[in-house]
Protein backbone atom coordinates (compact mmCIF):
# COMPACT_ATOMS: atom_id res chain seq x y z
CA MET A 1 -2.35 -34.04 45.73
CA LYS A 2 -0.20 -30.50 45.42
CA ASN A 3 2.17 -32.19 42.85
CA GLY A 4 -1.20 -33.65 40.93
CA LEU A 5 -2.99 -30.03 40.95
CA LYS A 6 0.84 -28.11 39.78
CA ALA A 7 0.51 -30.68 36.73
CA VAL A 8 -2.71 -30.22 35.87
CA CYS A 9 -1.85 -26.12 36.21
CA ILE A 10 0.90 -26.84 33.93
CA ALA A 11 -0.86 -28.82 31.42
CA VAL A 12 -3.56 -26.18 30.58
CA ALA A 13 -0.57 -23.48 30.76
CA PHE A 14 1.02 -25.53 27.86
CA ILE A 15 -2.32 -26.20 25.63
CA GLY A 16 -3.70 -22.80 26.17
CA ALA A 17 -0.31 -21.18 25.10
CA SER A 18 0.31 -23.41 22.05
CA ALA A 19 -3.73 -22.33 20.91
CA CYS A 20 -2.97 -18.99 20.93
CA VAL A 21 -0.69 -19.26 17.59
CA PRO A 22 -1.30 -15.67 15.77
CA ALA A 23 -3.04 -16.37 12.46
CA THR A 24 -1.07 -14.99 9.30
CA ALA A 25 -3.38 -14.21 5.68
CA ALA A 26 -0.76 -16.02 2.41
CA PRO A 27 0.01 -13.23 0.31
CA ALA A 28 -2.42 -12.64 -2.80
CA VAL A 29 -1.07 -13.88 -6.08
CA VAL A 30 -2.13 -12.21 -9.68
CA LYS A 31 -1.13 -15.41 -12.00
CA ASN A 32 0.06 -14.44 -15.41
CA ASP A 33 -1.85 -16.27 -18.27
CA THR A 34 0.44 -15.39 -20.70
CA ALA A 35 3.80 -17.03 -18.74
CA GLN A 36 1.54 -20.15 -17.96
CA GLN A 37 0.22 -20.58 -21.56
CA GLN A 38 4.09 -19.88 -23.38
CA THR A 39 5.34 -22.45 -20.44
CA GLY A 40 2.82 -24.42 -19.42
CA LYS A 41 4.30 -23.99 -15.39
CA THR A 42 2.76 -21.69 -12.78
CA PRO A 43 5.32 -18.59 -12.24
CA ALA A 44 7.35 -18.97 -9.36
CA THR A 45 6.87 -15.28 -8.42
CA PRO A 46 3.28 -13.13 -8.10
CA VAL A 47 3.16 -10.84 -11.31
CA PRO A 48 1.81 -7.55 -10.04
CA VAL A 49 -0.83 -6.17 -11.99
CA ALA A 50 -0.17 -2.56 -12.80
CA LYS A 51 -2.96 0.46 -13.65
CA PRO A 52 -2.27 3.47 -15.16
CA GLY A 53 -1.66 6.04 -12.53
CA ASP A 54 -0.60 3.82 -9.69
CA ALA A 55 2.23 3.34 -7.76
CA ASP A 56 5.51 2.17 -9.25
CA ASP A 57 8.30 0.95 -6.67
CA GLY A 58 6.57 3.79 -4.18
CA VAL A 59 6.20 6.78 -6.77
CA VAL A 60 2.92 7.95 -8.04
CA SER A 61 2.81 10.30 -11.03
CA ILE A 62 0.87 13.95 -9.86
CA ASN A 63 -0.77 14.14 -13.60
CA THR A 64 -2.42 10.96 -14.10
CA ALA A 65 -2.89 8.50 -10.79
CA SER A 66 -6.26 8.81 -8.76
CA ALA A 67 -6.96 10.27 -5.32
CA GLU A 68 -6.93 6.74 -4.33
CA ALA A 69 -3.50 5.94 -5.67
CA LEU A 70 -1.99 9.29 -4.49
CA ALA A 71 -3.22 9.17 -1.20
CA GLN A 72 -1.60 5.53 -0.65
CA ALA A 73 1.70 6.92 -1.80
CA MET A 74 1.86 10.26 -0.09
CA ASN A 75 2.91 10.41 3.10
CA GLY A 76 0.72 13.10 5.06
CA VAL A 77 -2.25 13.16 2.09
CA GLY A 78 -5.77 11.34 2.80
CA LEU A 79 -8.31 11.06 0.63
CA LYS A 80 -9.75 14.37 0.91
CA LYS A 81 -6.30 16.06 0.09
CA ALA A 82 -6.09 13.44 -2.55
CA GLN A 83 -9.36 14.46 -4.38
CA SER A 84 -8.05 17.96 -4.02
CA ILE A 85 -4.73 17.42 -5.74
CA VAL A 86 -6.96 15.69 -8.58
CA SER A 87 -9.77 18.67 -8.81
CA TYR A 88 -6.95 20.91 -9.08
CA ARG A 89 -5.50 19.10 -11.85
CA GLU A 90 -8.69 18.58 -13.91
CA GLU A 91 -9.30 22.34 -13.55
CA TYR A 92 -5.72 24.14 -14.46
CA GLY A 93 -4.16 21.27 -16.20
CA PRO A 94 -1.23 18.87 -15.63
CA PHE A 95 1.27 19.99 -13.27
CA LYS A 96 4.23 21.44 -14.79
CA ALA A 97 6.46 21.35 -11.67
CA LEU A 98 6.29 19.14 -8.42
CA GLU A 99 6.78 22.02 -6.26
CA GLN A 100 3.54 23.36 -7.99
CA LEU A 101 1.41 21.37 -5.69
CA GLN A 102 1.69 23.70 -3.08
CA GLU A 103 -1.19 25.62 -4.87
CA VAL A 104 -3.54 23.16 -4.36
CA PRO A 105 -5.52 24.38 -0.76
CA GLY A 106 -4.09 22.24 2.28
CA ILE A 107 -1.25 21.18 0.38
CA GLY A 108 2.20 23.19 2.06
CA SER A 109 5.99 23.09 1.26
CA ALA A 110 6.83 21.16 4.47
CA LEU A 111 4.58 18.40 2.53
CA VAL A 112 5.56 18.38 -0.40
CA GLU A 113 9.13 18.36 0.53
CA ARG A 114 8.12 15.08 2.61
CA ASN A 115 6.88 13.17 0.03
CA LEU A 116 9.60 14.34 -3.35
CA SER A 117 10.70 11.28 -2.92
CA HIS A 118 7.10 9.59 -3.92
CA ILE A 119 5.92 11.51 -6.44
CA LYS A 120 6.67 11.95 -10.18
CA LEU A 121 5.19 14.21 -12.78
């Protein structure tokens, strides 16, 4: 009787373990219609669609990027600080130097230094 109960418990454990496999989502793929028309084939790798001011290799322009793009690319900058950067830029014109970001309320020198590799003019 004990051996049969052990066998049932082990079987239930194996069934439960195999049912607990985490699900993963497939990455989004943007199709390049021009490449498809020229070759007649679907491209092997996804072709990203760039928007003006969006991050390019993790680097974003502080003079053209939207608040959302700034918040996404910069460490320690949320949407509120990113909106402050955009408001400052609209009021005073484009930034002439990256260090000029320190003039934006809520942006300090440490935050600018931490993000030098993520921003450009």
